[in-house]
Amino acid sequence: MRIMDRIPKIFKNFYFIAGAVFLIWMLFIDGNDLISQWRLSSKYNDLIKEKEYYQEKIKEVEMDREGLMSDDELLEKFARERYLMKKESEDLFVIVEKE
């Protein structure tokens, strides 16, 4: 028996061969192959999560800002703690703990 006689008739069909080559090309070789699409989808999902995180942080900062702008005592406390600001008549001591 010849090798060509052993191959089923469907695999000899031109349209089947062309379709198989096209499918392999699109899944593995093309610039928009399956692996690239998976990576892009994963990156897209990560960016959406980052966007949600930063939107929450923006809301927190806006609420803190509103609180600071409306309360002078809170603003003074914030400036003293964060930026080590002091009044002219005060002395400032910074205690650094050893690790």
N, C-alpha and C. Protein backbone atom coordinates (compact mmCIF):
# COMPACT_ATOMS: atom_id res chain seq x y z
N MET A 1 0.82 -1.19 0.00
CA MET A 1 0.00 0.00 0.00
C MET A 1 0.86 1.25 0.00
N ARG A 2 0.44 2.20 -0.72
CA ARG A 2 1.15 3.46 -0.76
C ARG A 2 0.74 4.33 0.43
N ILE A 3 1.60 5.27 0.76
CA ILE A 3 1.33 6.17 1.89
C ILE A 3 0.12 7.04 1.59
N MET A 4 -0.02 7.51 0.39
CA MET A 4 -1.13 8.39 0.02
C MET A 4 -2.47 7.67 0.15
N ASP A 5 -2.47 6.35 0.00
CA ASP A 5 -3.73 5.61 0.12
C ASP A 5 -4.16 5.48 1.58
N ARG A 6 -3.23 5.56 2.51
CA ARG A 6 -3.55 5.43 3.94
C ARG A 6 -4.17 6.71 4.51
N ILE A 7 -3.87 7.86 3.93
CA ILE A 7 -4.37 9.14 4.41
C ILE A 7 -5.86 9.23 4.10
N PRO A 8 -6.70 9.54 5.11
CA PRO A 8 -8.13 9.69 4.83
C PRO A 8 -8.39 10.78 3.80
N LYS A 9 -9.49 10.66 3.11
CA LYS A 9 -9.81 11.55 2.01
C LYS A 9 -9.99 13.00 2.48
N ILE A 10 -10.50 13.19 3.71
CA ILE A 10 -10.74 14.55 4.20
C ILE A 10 -9.44 15.34 4.32
N PHE A 11 -8.33 14.67 4.68
CA PHE A 11 -7.05 15.36 4.83
C PHE A 11 -6.42 15.70 3.48
N LYS A 12 -6.91 15.18 2.42
CA LYS A 12 -6.41 15.50 1.07
C LYS A 12 -7.18 16.66 0.46
N ASN A 13 -8.27 17.05 1.07
CA ASN A 13 -9.12 18.11 0.56
C ASN A 13 -8.39 19.45 0.67
N PHE A 14 -8.41 20.24 -0.40
CA PHE A 14 -7.74 21.54 -0.44
C PHE A 14 -8.30 22.49 0.62
N TYR A 15 -9.61 22.53 0.80
CA TYR A 15 -10.22 23.45 1.74
C TYR A 15 -9.88 23.09 3.18
N PHE A 16 -9.79 21.80 3.48
CA PHE A 16 -9.38 21.38 4.81
C PHE A 16 -7.94 21.80 5.09
N ILE A 17 -7.06 21.58 4.13
CA ILE A 17 -5.65 21.94 4.30
C ILE A 17 -5.51 23.45 4.45
N ALA A 18 -6.20 24.22 3.60
CA ALA A 18 -6.13 25.68 3.68
C ALA A 18 -6.69 26.17 5.01
N GLY A 19 -7.79 25.59 5.46
CA GLY A 19 -8.38 25.98 6.75
C GLY A 19 -7.45 25.64 7.92
N ALA A 20 -6.82 24.47 7.86
CA ALA A 20 -5.91 24.07 8.93
C ALA A 20 -4.69 24.99 8.98
N VAL A 21 -4.14 25.32 7.82
CA VAL A 21 -2.99 26.23 7.77
C VAL A 21 -3.40 27.61 8.30
N PHE A 22 -4.57 28.09 7.89
CA PHE A 22 -5.06 29.38 8.37
C PHE A 22 -5.24 29.36 9.89
N LEU A 23 -5.83 28.29 10.43
CA LEU A 23 -6.06 28.18 11.86
C LEU A 23 -4.74 28.16 12.64
N ILE A 24 -3.79 27.39 12.17
CA ILE A 24 -2.47 27.34 12.82
C ILE A 24 -1.80 28.71 12.76
N TRP A 25 -1.90 29.34 11.60
CA TRP A 25 -1.30 30.67 11.45
C TRP A 25 -1.91 31.66 12.44
N MET A 26 -3.23 31.68 12.55
CA MET A 26 -3.90 32.64 13.43
C MET A 26 -3.68 32.34 14.91
N LEU A 27 -3.54 31.08 15.28
CA LEU A 27 -3.39 30.72 16.69
C LEU A 27 -1.96 30.88 17.19
N PHE A 28 -0.97 30.64 16.37
CA PHE A 28 0.39 30.58 16.87
C PHE A 28 1.39 31.54 16.21
N ILE A 29 1.20 31.90 14.98
CA ILE A 29 2.24 32.62 14.23
C ILE A 29 1.93 34.12 14.10
N ASP A 30 0.69 34.47 13.91
CA ASP A 30 0.30 35.85 13.65
C ASP A 30 0.64 36.77 14.83
N GLY A 31 0.75 38.06 14.57
CA GLY A 31 1.04 39.04 15.61
C GLY A 31 -0.06 39.13 16.66
N ASN A 32 -1.26 38.79 16.31
CA ASN A 32 -2.39 38.78 17.25
C ASN A 32 -2.75 37.36 17.64
N ASP A 33 -1.74 36.55 17.89
CA ASP A 33 -1.98 35.14 18.20
C ASP A 33 -2.63 34.98 19.57
N LEU A 34 -2.95 33.76 19.90
CA LEU A 34 -3.68 33.44 21.12
C LEU A 34 -2.91 33.85 22.37
N ILE A 35 -1.62 33.63 22.41
CA ILE A 35 -0.80 33.96 23.57
C ILE A 35 -0.75 35.48 23.77
N SER A 36 -0.59 36.23 22.70
CA SER A 36 -0.56 37.69 22.80
C SER A 36 -1.90 38.23 23.29
N GLN A 37 -2.98 37.66 22.81
CA GLN A 37 -4.30 38.10 23.26
C GLN A 37 -4.51 37.81 24.74
N TRP A 38 -4.02 36.66 25.21
CA TRP A 38 -4.13 36.33 26.63
C TRP A 38 -3.33 37.31 27.48
N ARG A 39 -2.11 37.62 27.04
CA ARG A 39 -1.27 38.58 27.77
C ARG A 39 -1.93 39.96 27.83
N LEU A 40 -2.46 40.41 26.70
CA LEU A 40 -3.12 41.71 26.66
C LEU A 40 -4.36 41.74 27.55
N SER A 41 -5.10 40.66 27.56
CA SER A 41 -6.29 40.58 28.41
C SER A 41 -5.89 40.63 29.89
N SER A 42 -4.83 39.93 30.24
CA SER A 42 -4.34 39.93 31.61
C SER A 42 -3.88 41.33 32.02
N LYS A 43 -3.14 42.00 31.15
CA LYS A 43 -2.66 43.35 31.43
C LYS A 43 -3.83 44.32 31.55
N TYR A 44 -4.83 44.17 30.71
CA TYR A 44 -6.03 45.01 30.76
C TYR A 44 -6.73 44.86 32.11
N ASN A 45 -6.88 43.63 32.57
CA ASN A 45 -7.53 43.40 33.87
C ASN A 45 -6.72 44.01 35.01
N ASP A 46 -5.39 43.91 34.93
CA ASP A 46 -4.54 44.52 35.96
C ASP A 46 -4.70 46.05 35.96
N LEU A 47 -4.78 46.64 34.78
CA LEU A 47 -4.94 48.09 34.68
C LEU A 47 -6.30 48.55 35.22
N ILE A 48 -7.32 47.75 35.01
CA ILE A 48 -8.64 48.09 35.56
C ILE A 48 -8.59 48.07 37.08
N LYS A 49 -7.92 47.07 37.65
CA LYS A 49 -7.79 46.99 39.11
C LYS A 49 -7.01 48.19 39.65
N GLU A 50 -5.93 48.57 38.95
CA GLU A 50 -5.16 49.74 39.36
C GLU A 50 -6.00 51.01 39.29
N LYS A 51 -6.81 51.13 38.26
CA LYS A 51 -7.66 52.30 38.10
C LYS A 51 -8.62 52.42 39.26
N GLU A 52 -9.24 51.29 39.65
CA GLU A 52 -10.16 51.31 40.78
C GLU A 52 -9.43 51.69 42.07
N TYR A 53 -8.23 51.16 42.26
CA TYR A 53 -7.44 51.47 43.46
C TYR A 53 -7.15 52.97 43.53
N TYR A 54 -6.70 53.54 42.42
CA TYR A 54 -6.35 54.96 42.42
C TYR A 54 -7.59 55.85 42.54
N GLN A 55 -8.71 55.42 42.02
CA GLN A 55 -9.93 56.20 42.19
C GLN A 55 -10.34 56.23 43.66
N GLU A 56 -10.17 55.11 44.36
CA GLU A 56 -10.46 55.09 45.80
C GLU A 56 -9.51 56.01 46.55
N LYS A 57 -8.23 55.98 46.18
CA LYS A 57 -7.26 56.85 46.84
C LYS A 57 -7.57 58.32 46.59
N ILE A 58 -8.01 58.65 45.40
CA ILE A 58 -8.36 60.03 45.07
C ILE A 58 -9.53 60.48 45.95
N LYS A 59 -10.52 59.62 46.13
CA LYS A 59 -11.65 59.97 46.99
C LYS A 59 -11.20 60.20 48.42
N GLU A 60 -10.29 59.34 48.92
CA GLU A 60 -9.77 59.51 50.28
C GLU A 60 -9.02 60.83 50.44
N VAL A 61 -8.19 61.15 49.46
CA VAL A 61 -7.42 62.39 49.51
C VAL A 61 -8.35 63.60 49.45
N GLU A 62 -9.37 63.54 48.63
CA GLU A 62 -10.32 64.65 48.54
C GLU A 62 -11.06 64.85 49.86
N MET A 63 -11.42 63.74 50.52
CA MET A 63 -12.09 63.86 51.82
C MET A 63 -11.14 64.44 52.86
N ASP A 64 -9.88 64.00 52.85
CA ASP A 64 -8.88 64.56 53.77
C ASP A 64 -8.67 66.04 53.51
N ARG A 65 -8.63 66.41 52.26
CA ARG A 65 -8.42 67.81 51.88
C ARG A 65 -9.57 68.68 52.36
N GLU A 66 -10.79 68.20 52.17
CA GLU A 66 -11.95 68.95 52.64
C GLU A 66 -11.89 69.14 54.15
N GLY A 67 -11.49 68.07 54.85
CA GLY A 67 -11.38 68.16 56.30
C GLY A 67 -10.31 69.14 56.73
N LEU A 68 -9.18 69.13 56.04
CA LEU A 68 -8.09 70.04 56.38
C LEU A 68 -8.45 71.49 56.09
N MET A 69 -9.14 71.73 55.01
CA MET A 69 -9.47 73.10 54.63
C MET A 69 -10.56 73.69 55.52
N SER A 70 -11.34 72.84 56.15
CA SER A 70 -12.43 73.36 56.97
C SER A 70 -12.08 73.47 58.45
N ASP A 71 -11.02 72.78 58.90
CA ASP A 71 -10.67 72.77 60.33
C ASP A 71 -9.22 73.21 60.49
N ASP A 72 -9.03 74.37 61.13
CA ASP A 72 -7.69 74.93 61.29
C ASP A 72 -6.83 74.09 62.24
N GLU A 73 -7.44 73.53 63.28
CA GLU A 73 -6.68 72.71 64.22
C GLU A 73 -6.16 71.44 63.55
N LEU A 74 -7.00 70.85 62.73
CA LEU A 74 -6.59 69.65 62.01
C LEU A 74 -5.49 69.97 60.99
N LEU A 75 -5.58 71.13 60.36
CA LEU A 75 -4.56 71.57 59.42
C LEU A 75 -3.23 71.78 60.14
N GLU A 76 -3.27 72.40 61.31
CA GLU A 76 -2.05 72.61 62.08
C GLU A 76 -1.43 71.27 62.52
N LYS A 77 -2.25 70.36 62.97
CA LYS A 77 -1.78 69.04 63.38
C LYS A 77 -1.12 68.31 62.20
N PHE A 78 -1.77 68.38 61.04
CA PHE A 78 -1.25 67.73 59.84
C PHE A 78 0.11 68.32 59.46
N ALA A 79 0.22 69.63 59.48
CA ALA A 79 1.48 70.30 59.11
C ALA A 79 2.58 69.95 60.10
N ARG A 80 2.25 69.88 61.36
CA ARG A 80 3.27 69.54 62.37
C ARG A 80 3.75 68.10 62.21
N GLU A 81 2.83 67.18 61.99
CA GLU A 81 3.20 65.77 61.89
C GLU A 81 3.89 65.44 60.58
N ARG A 82 3.36 65.94 59.50
CA ARG A 82 3.85 65.54 58.18
C ARG A 82 5.09 66.31 57.76
N TYR A 83 5.08 67.60 57.96
CA TYR A 83 6.15 68.46 57.46
C TYR A 83 7.04 69.03 58.56
N LEU A 84 6.86 68.58 59.80
CA LEU A 84 7.67 68.99 60.94
C LEU A 84 7.70 70.51 61.11
N MET A 85 6.58 71.15 60.88
CA MET A 85 6.49 72.60 61.05
C MET A 85 6.29 72.93 62.53
N LYS A 86 6.70 74.12 62.91
CA LYS A 86 6.59 74.54 64.31
C LYS A 86 6.38 76.04 64.37
N LYS A 87 5.95 76.47 65.54
CA LYS A 87 5.82 77.90 65.77
C LYS A 87 7.19 78.46 66.11
N GLU A 88 7.37 79.76 65.98
CA GLU A 88 8.69 80.36 66.22
C GLU A 88 9.14 80.21 67.66
N SER A 89 8.22 80.15 68.58
CA SER A 89 8.60 80.08 69.99
C SER A 89 8.80 78.64 70.48
N GLU A 90 8.67 77.66 69.59
CA GLU A 90 8.77 76.26 69.99
C GLU A 90 10.10 75.66 69.54
N ASP A 91 10.51 74.63 70.25
CA ASP A 91 11.65 73.82 69.83
C ASP A 91 11.11 72.47 69.37
N LEU A 92 11.74 71.93 68.34
CA LEU A 92 11.26 70.68 67.76
C LEU A 92 12.31 69.60 67.97
N PHE A 93 11.89 68.49 68.53
CA PHE A 93 12.77 67.35 68.74
C PHE A 93 12.22 66.17 67.95
N VAL A 94 13.06 65.60 67.10
CA VAL A 94 12.67 64.45 66.30
C VAL A 94 13.36 63.23 66.88
N ILE A 95 12.59 62.26 67.29
CA ILE A 95 13.14 61.03 67.88
C ILE A 95 13.11 59.94 66.81
N VAL A 96 14.28 59.41 66.50
CA VAL A 96 14.39 58.35 65.51
C VAL A 96 14.69 57.06 66.24
N GLU A 97 13.86 56.06 66.05
CA GLU A 97 14.05 54.78 66.70
C GLU A 97 15.04 53.94 65.91
N LYS A 98 15.90 53.20 66.61
CA LYS A 98 16.85 52.30 65.96
C LYS A 98 16.12 51.06 65.49
N GLU A 99 16.56 50.56 64.38
CA GLU A 99 15.91 49.38 63.81
C GLU A 99 16.52 48.11 64.37
